[in-house]
Amino acid sequence: MRSSTGNRCKADGESSERAGPGRDLSPLLAGAATGTAVCGALLALMDSGSPLRGPCALFFLLAAPALAIALALGGLDPFGRLITALAGAVALDMLVAQAMLTVHRWSVPGGIVAVTVLSLLILVANGVRQRTGSRGRTPEGSKTGQSFVTAKPTDS
Protein backbone atom coordinates (compact mmCIF):
# COMPACT_ATOMS: atom_id res chain seq x y z
CA MET A 1 0.00 0.00 0.00
CA ARG A 2 1.34 3.45 -0.88
CA SER A 3 0.46 6.81 0.56
CA SER A 4 -0.29 9.89 -1.50
CA THR A 5 3.38 10.95 -1.28
CA GLY A 6 4.62 7.69 -2.82
CA ASN A 7 6.08 6.19 0.36
CA ARG A 8 5.17 2.71 1.47
CA CYS A 9 2.77 2.62 4.38
CA LYS A 10 2.65 0.10 7.18
CA ALA A 11 -0.63 -1.43 8.27
CA ASP A 12 -1.10 1.12 11.05
CA GLY A 13 -0.58 4.05 8.67
CA GLU A 14 3.03 4.93 9.59
CA SER A 15 5.47 5.58 6.77
CA SER A 16 8.36 3.09 6.61
CA GLU A 17 10.63 5.55 4.73
CA ARG A 18 11.63 8.87 6.18
CA ALA A 19 10.84 11.79 3.95
CA GLY A 20 11.65 15.45 4.19
CA PRO A 21 14.46 17.27 5.95
CA GLY A 22 14.94 14.59 8.62
CA ARG A 23 16.50 12.00 6.30
CA ASP A 24 20.16 11.06 6.49
CA LEU A 25 22.39 13.47 4.55
CA SER A 26 25.76 11.84 5.26
CA PRO A 27 26.23 10.30 1.79
CA LEU A 28 25.47 13.67 0.19
CA LEU A 29 27.91 15.49 2.48
CA ALA A 30 30.59 12.84 1.93
CA GLY A 31 30.19 13.20 -1.83
CA ALA A 32 30.38 16.99 -1.63
CA ALA A 33 33.51 16.81 0.54
CA THR A 34 35.15 14.35 -1.84
CA GLY A 35 34.32 16.52 -4.83
CA THR A 36 35.68 19.62 -3.13
CA ALA A 37 38.90 17.86 -2.13
CA VAL A 38 39.48 16.40 -5.60
CA CYS A 39 38.72 19.77 -7.19
CA GLY A 40 41.23 21.45 -4.87
CA ALA A 41 43.95 18.92 -5.66
CA LEU A 42 43.37 19.23 -9.41
CA LEU A 43 43.30 23.05 -9.31
CA ALA A 44 46.59 23.07 -7.39
CA LEU A 45 48.24 20.52 -9.67
CA MET A 46 47.15 22.41 -12.81
CA ASP A 47 48.40 25.69 -11.32
CA SER A 48 45.04 27.31 -12.00
CA GLY A 49 44.40 30.97 -11.32
CA SER A 50 40.93 30.27 -9.88
CA PRO A 51 40.02 31.94 -6.59
CA LEU A 52 38.79 28.53 -5.37
CA ARG A 53 42.26 27.03 -5.69
CA GLY A 54 43.47 28.06 -2.23
CA PRO A 55 40.48 27.06 -0.09
CA CYS A 56 39.85 23.81 -1.96
CA ALA A 57 43.53 22.81 -1.90
CA LEU A 58 43.68 23.56 1.83
CA PHE A 59 40.59 21.40 2.32
CA PHE A 60 42.30 18.58 0.42
CA LEU A 61 45.48 18.95 2.49
CA LEU A 62 43.43 18.54 5.67
CA ALA A 63 40.84 16.01 4.51
CA ALA A 64 43.04 13.41 2.78
CA PRO A 65 45.36 12.61 5.69
CA ALA A 66 42.55 13.08 8.23
CA LEU A 67 40.46 10.44 6.46
CA ALA A 68 43.37 8.01 6.29
CA ILE A 69 44.18 8.50 9.97
CA ALA A 70 40.52 8.28 11.02
CA LEU A 71 40.14 4.94 9.23
CA ALA A 72 43.24 3.63 11.01
CA LEU A 73 41.80 4.65 14.40
CA GLY A 74 38.65 2.54 14.22
CA GLY A 75 38.60 1.74 17.95
CA LEU A 76 38.07 5.29 19.21
CA ASP A 77 34.75 6.98 19.73
CA PRO A 78 33.75 9.28 16.82
CA PHE A 79 34.59 12.60 18.50
CA GLY A 80 38.01 11.40 19.68
CA ARG A 81 38.72 9.96 16.25
CA LEU A 82 37.80 13.28 14.59
CA ILE A 83 40.04 15.36 16.86
CA THR A 84 42.95 12.91 16.60
CA ALA A 85 42.63 12.64 12.81
CA LEU A 86 42.58 16.42 12.34
CA ALA A 87 45.59 16.87 14.63
CA GLY A 88 47.43 14.12 12.75
CA ALA A 89 46.56 15.72 9.41
CA VAL A 90 47.95 19.09 10.53
CA ALA A 91 51.10 17.39 11.85
CA LEU A 92 51.58 15.45 8.59
CA ASP A 93 51.13 18.63 6.52
CA MET A 94 53.65 20.49 8.66
CA LEU A 95 56.16 17.64 8.40
CA VAL A 96 55.83 17.59 4.60
CA ALA A 97 56.27 21.38 4.43
CA GLN A 98 59.27 21.28 6.78
CA ALA A 99 60.92 18.48 4.81
CA MET A 100 60.39 20.28 1.50
CA LEU A 101 61.76 23.54 2.90
CA THR A 102 64.76 21.74 4.39
CA VAL A 103 65.81 20.29 1.04
CA HIS A 104 64.96 23.54 -0.80
CA ARG A 105 62.33 21.85 -3.00
CA TRP A 106 59.19 23.70 -1.93
CA SER A 107 56.34 23.75 -4.45
CA VAL A 108 52.58 23.59 -4.12
CA PRO A 109 52.14 20.69 -6.58
CA GLY A 110 54.96 18.82 -4.85
CA GLY A 111 53.26 19.25 -1.48
CA ILE A 112 49.95 18.01 -2.88
CA VAL A 113 51.66 14.94 -4.35
CA ALA A 114 53.61 14.25 -1.14
CA VAL A 115 50.51 14.48 1.07
CA THR A 116 48.57 12.29 -1.36
CA VAL A 117 51.28 9.62 -1.37
CA LEU A 118 51.59 9.63 2.42
CA SER A 119 47.81 9.43 2.84
CA LEU A 120 47.65 6.50 0.43
CA LEU A 121 50.49 4.77 2.30
CA ILE A 122 48.55 5.12 5.57
CA LEU A 123 45.44 3.66 3.89
CA VAL A 124 47.38 0.74 2.39
CA ALA A 125 49.14 0.01 5.69
CA ASN A 126 45.78 0.03 7.46
CA GLY A 127 44.29 -2.33 4.88
CA VAL A 128 47.21 -4.75 5.19
CA ARG A 129 47.01 -4.62 8.98
CA GLN A 130 43.28 -5.38 8.94
CA ARG A 131 43.73 -8.29 6.51
CA THR A 132 46.53 -9.91 8.48
CA GLY A 133 44.72 -9.26 11.75
CA SER A 134 41.52 -10.90 10.54
CA ARG A 135 43.43 -13.94 9.22
CA GLY A 136 45.18 -14.44 12.52
CA ARG A 137 41.96 -14.43 14.53
CA THR A 138 39.99 -16.91 12.39
CA PRO A 139 40.34 -20.51 13.63
CA GLU A 140 41.61 -22.98 11.04
CA GLY A 141 38.85 -24.70 9.12
CA SER A 142 36.21 -22.15 10.14
CA LYS A 143 34.92 -19.79 7.46
CA THR A 144 32.96 -17.51 9.79
CA GLY A 145 35.48 -17.30 12.59
CA GLN A 146 33.24 -19.26 14.97
CA SER A 147 34.53 -22.37 16.66
CA PHE A 148 32.48 -24.99 18.42
CA VAL A 149 33.47 -27.30 21.22
CA THR A 150 31.63 -30.51 21.95
CA ALA A 151 31.92 -32.14 25.33
CA LYS A 152 31.69 -35.88 25.79
CA PRO A 153 30.48 -37.33 29.05
CA THR A 154 33.18 -39.10 30.98
CA ASP A 155 32.82 -42.60 32.35
CA SER A 156 33.02 -42.78 36.14
C-alpha atoms as a PDB file:
ATOM      1  CA  MET A   1       0.000   0.000   0.000  1.00  0.00           C
ATOM      2  CA  ARG A   2       1.341   3.451  -0.883  1.00  0.00           C
ATOM      3  CA  SER A   3       0.462   6.808   0.565  1.00  0.00           C
ATOM      4  CA  SER A   4      -0.285   9.887  -1.499  1.00  0.00           C
ATOM      5  CA  THR A   5       3.379  10.950  -1.279  1.00  0.00           C
ATOM      6  CA  GLY A   6       4.618   7.692  -2.822  1.00  0.00           C
ATOM      7  CA  ASN A   7       6.079   6.189   0.363  1.00  0.00           C
ATOM      8  CA  ARG A   8       5.167   2.707   1.469  1.00  0.00           C
ATOM      9  CA  CYS A   9       2.774   2.624   4.382  1.00  0.00           C
ATOM     10  CA  LYS A  10       2.645   0.098   7.184  1.00  0.00           C
ATOM     11  CA  ALA A  11      -0.626  -1.432   8.274  1.00  0.00           C
ATOM     12  CA  ASP A  12      -1.097   1.115  11.050  1.00  0.00           C
ATOM     13  CA  GLY A  13      -0.583   4.050   8.670  1.00  0.00           C
ATOM     14  CA  GLU A  14       3.025   4.930   9.593  1.00  0.00           C
ATOM     15  CA  SER A  15       5.469   5.575   6.771  1.00  0.00           C
ATOM     16  CA  SER A  16       8.364   3.087   6.611  1.00  0.00           C
ATOM     17  CA  GLU A  17      10.628   5.551   4.732  1.00  0.00           C
ATOM     18  CA  ARG A  18      11.634   8.871   6.182  1.00  0.00           C
ATOM     19  CA  ALA A  19      10.841  11.789   3.951  1.00  0.00           C
ATOM     20  CA  GLY A  20      11.647  15.452   4.188  1.00  0.00           C
ATOM     21  CA  PRO A  21      14.464  17.267   5.954  1.00  0.00           C
ATOM     22  CA  GLY A  22      14.944  14.587   8.621  1.00  0.00           C
ATOM     23  CA  ARG A  23      16.497  11.998   6.302  1.00  0.00           C
ATOM     24  CA  ASP A  24      20.163  11.061   6.485  1.00  0.00           C
ATOM     25  CA  LEU A  25      22.388  13.474   4.554  1.00  0.00           C
ATOM     26  CA  SER A  26      25.762  11.838   5.264  1.00  0.00           C
ATOM     27  CA  PRO A  27      26.227  10.300   1.786  1.00  0.00           C
ATOM     28  CA  LEU A  28      25.468  13.671   0.193  1.00  0.00           C
ATOM     29  CA  LEU A  29      27.910  15.493   2.481  1.00  0.00           C
ATOM     30  CA  ALA A  30      30.590  12.838   1.929  1.00  0.00           C
ATOM     31  CA  GLY A  31      30.190  13.202  -1.827  1.00  0.00           C
ATOM     32  CA  ALA A  32      30.377  16.990  -1.630  1.00  0.00           C
ATOM     33  CA  ALA A  33      33.510  16.808   0.535  1.00  0.00           C
ATOM     34  CA  THR A  34      35.151  14.347  -1.839  1.00  0.00           C
ATOM     35  CA  GLY A  35      34.324  16.517  -4.832  1.00  0.00           C
ATOM     36  CA  THR A  36      35.677  19.621  -3.127  1.00  0.00           C
ATOM     37  CA  ALA A  37      38.900  17.861  -2.127  1.00  0.00           C
ATOM     38  CA  VAL A  38      39.482  16.399  -5.602  1.00  0.00           C
ATOM     39  CA  CYS A  39      38.720  19.768  -7.189  1.00  0.00           C
ATOM     40  CA  GLY A  40      41.232  21.451  -4.870  1.00  0.00           C
ATOM     41  CA  ALA A  41      43.945  18.923  -5.657  1.00  0.00           C
ATOM     42  CA  LEU A  42      43.369  19.229  -9.405  1.00  0.00           C
ATOM     43  CA  LEU A  43      43.298  23.046  -9.314  1.00  0.00           C
ATOM     44  CA  ALA A  44      46.590  23.074  -7.393  1.00  0.00           C
ATOM     45  CA  LEU A  45      48.240  20.521  -9.673  1.00  0.00           C
ATOM     46  CA  MET A  46      47.150  22.407 -12.809  1.00  0.00           C
ATOM     47  CA  ASP A  47      48.397  25.693 -11.321  1.00  0.00           C
ATOM     48  CA  SER A  48      45.037  27.307 -11.997  1.00  0.00           C
ATOM     49  CA  GLY A  49      44.396  30.967 -11.320  1.00  0.00           C
ATOM     50  CA  SER A  50      40.932  30.271  -9.884  1.00  0.00           C
ATOM     51  CA  PRO A  51      40.019  31.945  -6.593  1.00  0.00           C
ATOM     52  CA  LEU A  52      38.794  28.535  -5.375  1.00  0.00           C
ATOM     53  CA  ARG A  53      42.257  27.026  -5.691  1.00  0.00           C
ATOM     54  CA  GLY A  54      43.474  28.057  -2.233  1.00  0.00           C
ATOM     55  CA  PRO A  55      40.477  27.058  -0.092  1.00  0.00           C
ATOM     56  CA  CYS A  56      39.849  23.814  -1.964  1.00  0.00           C
ATOM     57  CA  ALA A  57      43.533  22.811  -1.905  1.00  0.00           C
ATOM     58  CA  LEU A  58      43.680  23.558   1.827  1.00  0.00           C
ATOM     59  CA  PHE A  59      40.588  21.402   2.318  1.00  0.00           C
ATOM     60  CA  PHE A  60      42.304  18.575   0.422  1.00  0.00           C
ATOM     61  CA  LEU A  61      45.479  18.947   2.491  1.00  0.00           C
ATOM     62  CA  LEU A  62      43.435  18.537   5.675  1.00  0.00           C
ATOM     63  CA  ALA A  63      40.839  16.010   4.513  1.00  0.00           C
ATOM     64  CA  ALA A  64      43.036  13.410   2.778  1.00  0.00           C
ATOM     65  CA  PRO A  65      45.360  12.610   5.692  1.00  0.00           C
ATOM     66  CA  ALA A  66      42.547  13.076   8.231  1.00  0.00           C
ATOM     67  CA  LEU A  67      40.455  10.441   6.456  1.00  0.00           C
ATOM     68  CA  ALA A  68      43.367   8.009   6.289  1.00  0.00           C
ATOM     69  CA  ILE A  69      44.184   8.495   9.972  1.00  0.00           C
ATOM     70  CA  ALA A  70      40.523   8.282  11.022  1.00  0.00           C
ATOM     71  CA  LEU A  71      40.139   4.943   9.232  1.00  0.00           C
ATOM     72  CA  ALA A  72      43.238   3.634  11.010  1.00  0.00           C
ATOM     73  CA  LEU A  73      41.795   4.649  14.396  1.00  0.00           C
ATOM     74  CA  GLY A  74      38.650   2.539  14.221  1.00  0.00           C
ATOM     75  CA  GLY A  75      38.601   1.740  17.951  1.00  0.00           C
ATOM     76  CA  LEU A  76      38.075   5.293  19.210  1.00  0.00           C
ATOM     77  CA  ASP A  77      34.755   6.984  19.731  1.00  0.00           C
ATOM     78  CA  PRO A  78      33.750   9.276  16.821  1.00  0.00           C
ATOM     79  CA  PHE A  79      34.592  12.602  18.498  1.00  0.00           C
ATOM     80  CA  GLY A  80      38.008  11.398  19.684  1.00  0.00           C
ATOM     81  CA  ARG A  81      38.722   9.956  16.249  1.00  0.00           C
ATOM     82  CA  LEU A  82      37.805  13.284  14.592  1.00  0.00           C
ATOM     83  CA  ILE A  83      40.041  15.361  16.856  1.00  0.00           C
ATOM     84  CA  THR A  84      42.947  12.911  16.600  1.00  0.00           C
ATOM     85  CA  ALA A  85      42.628  12.640  12.812  1.00  0.00           C
ATOM     86  CA  LEU A  86      42.579  16.422  12.342  1.00  0.00           C
ATOM     87  CA  ALA A  87      45.593  16.870  14.629  1.00  0.00           C
ATOM     88  CA  GLY A  88      47.433  14.118  12.755  1.00  0.00           C
ATOM     89  CA  ALA A  89      46.563  15.724   9.414  1.00  0.00           C
ATOM     90  CA  VAL A  90      47.947  19.085  10.526  1.00  0.00           C
ATOM     91  CA  ALA A  91      51.100  17.394  11.846  1.00  0.00           C
ATOM     92  CA  LEU A  92      51.578  15.452   8.588  1.00  0.00           C
ATOM     93  CA  ASP A  93      51.127  18.630   6.517  1.00  0.00           C
ATOM     94  CA  MET A  94      53.647  20.490   8.659  1.00  0.00           C
ATOM     95  CA  LEU A  95      56.160  17.640   8.397  1.00  0.00           C
ATOM     96  CA  VAL A  96      55.825  17.589   4.604  1.00  0.00           C
ATOM     97  CA  ALA A  97      56.274  21.378   4.427  1.00  0.00           C
ATOM     98  CA  GLN A  98      59.274  21.277   6.777  1.00  0.00           C
ATOM     99  CA  ALA A  99      60.919  18.477   4.805  1.00  0.00           C
ATOM    100  CA  MET A 100      60.390  20.282   1.503  1.00  0.00           C
ATOM    101  CA  LEU A 101      61.756  23.535   2.904  1.00  0.00           C
ATOM    102  CA  THR A 102      64.758  21.744   4.389  1.00  0.00           C
ATOM    103  CA  VAL A 103      65.807  20.289   1.039  1.00  0.00           C
ATOM    104  CA  HIS A 104      64.957  23.536  -0.803  1.00  0.00           C
ATOM    105  CA  ARG A 105      62.335  21.846  -2.999  1.00  0.00           C
ATOM    106  CA  TRP A 106      59.195  23.700  -1.932  1.00  0.00           C
ATOM    107  CA  SER A 107      56.336  23.746  -4.450  1.00  0.00           C
ATOM    108  CA  VAL A 108      52.579  23.585  -4.116  1.00  0.00           C
ATOM    109  CA  PRO A 109      52.143  20.689  -6.576  1.00  0.00           C
ATOM    110  CA  GLY A 110      54.965  18.816  -4.846  1.00  0.00           C
ATOM    111  CA  GLY A 111      53.260  19.255  -1.478  1.00  0.00           C
ATOM    112  CA  ILE A 112      49.951  18.008  -2.877  1.00  0.00           C
ATOM    113  CA  VAL A 113      51.655  14.936  -4.346  1.00  0.00           C
ATOM    114  CA  ALA A 114      53.614  14.246  -1.137  1.00  0.00           C
ATOM    115  CA  VAL A 115      50.512  14.482   1.072  1.00  0.00           C
ATOM    116  CA  THR A 116      48.568  12.292  -1.362  1.00  0.00           C
ATOM    117  CA  VAL A 117      51.278   9.623  -1.371  1.00  0.00           C
ATOM    118  CA  LEU A 118      51.592   9.632   2.423  1.00  0.00           C
ATOM    119  CA  SER A 119      47.805   9.428   2.838  1.00  0.00           C
ATOM    120  CA  LEU A 120      47.648   6.495   0.433  1.00  0.00           C
ATOM    121  CA  LEU A 121      50.489   4.772   2.300  1.00  0.00           C
ATOM    122  CA  ILE A 122      48.546   5.118   5.566  1.00  0.00           C
ATOM    123  CA  LEU A 123      45.441   3.664   3.886  1.00  0.00           C
ATOM    124  CA  VAL A 124      47.378   0.736   2.390  1.00  0.00           C
ATOM    125  CA  ALA A 125      49.143   0.006   5.693  1.00  0.00           C
ATOM    126  CA  ASN A 126      45.782   0.031   7.464  1.00  0.00           C
ATOM    127  CA  GLY A 127      44.289  -2.332   4.879  1.00  0.00           C
ATOM    128  CA  VAL A 128      47.208  -4.750   5.189  1.00  0.00           C
ATOM    129  CA  ARG A 129      47.009  -4.619   8.976  1.00  0.00           C
ATOM    130  CA  GLN A 130      43.282  -5.378   8.936  1.00  0.00           C
ATOM    131  CA  ARG A 131      43.728  -8.286   6.510  1.00  0.00           C
ATOM    132  CA  THR A 132      46.532  -9.914   8.476  1.00  0.00           C
ATOM    133  CA  GLY A 133      44.724  -9.259  11.752  1.00  0.00           C
ATOM    134  CA  SER A 134      41.525 -10.904  10.539  1.00  0.00           C
ATOM    135  CA  ARG A 135      43.429 -13.940   9.221  1.00  0.00           C
ATOM    136  CA  GLY A 136      45.182 -14.437  12.522  1.00  0.00           C
ATOM    137  CA  ARG A 137      41.955 -14.426  14.528  1.00  0.00           C
ATOM    138  CA  THR A 138      39.995 -16.911  12.387  1.00  0.00           C
ATOM    139  CA  PRO A 139      40.335 -20.511  13.625  1.00  0.00           C
ATOM    140  CA  GLU A 140      41.613 -22.978  11.042  1.00  0.00           C
ATOM    141  CA  GLY A 141      38.852 -24.703   9.124  1.00  0.00           C
ATOM    142  CA  SER A 142      36.211 -22.146  10.137  1.00  0.00           C
ATOM    143  CA  LYS A 143      34.920 -19.785   7.464  1.00  0.00           C
ATOM    144  CA  THR A 144      32.962 -17.513   9.790  1.00  0.00           C
ATOM    145  CA  GLY A 145      35.477 -17.301  12.593  1.00  0.00           C
ATOM    146  CA  GLN A 146      33.235 -19.258  14.969  1.00  0.00           C
ATOM    147  CA  SER A 147      34.525 -22.368  16.661  1.00  0.00           C
ATOM    148  CA  PHE A 148      32.475 -24.991  18.421  1.00  0.00           C
ATOM    149  CA  VAL A 149      33.471 -27.299  21.224  1.00  0.00           C
ATOM    150  CA  THR A 150      31.629 -30.515  21.952  1.00  0.00           C
ATOM    151  CA  ALA A 151      31.922 -32.137  25.332  1.00  0.00           C
ATOM    152  CA  LYS A 152      31.694 -35.883  25.790  1.00  0.00           C
ATOM    153  CA  PRO A 153      30.484 -37.329  29.047  1.00  0.00           C
ATOM    154  CA  THR A 154      33.179 -39.102  30.985  1.00  0.00           C
ATOM    155  CA  ASP A 155      32.822 -42.604  32.350  1.00  0.00           C
ATOM    156  CA  SER A 156      33.017 -42.780  36.141  1.00  0.00           C
END
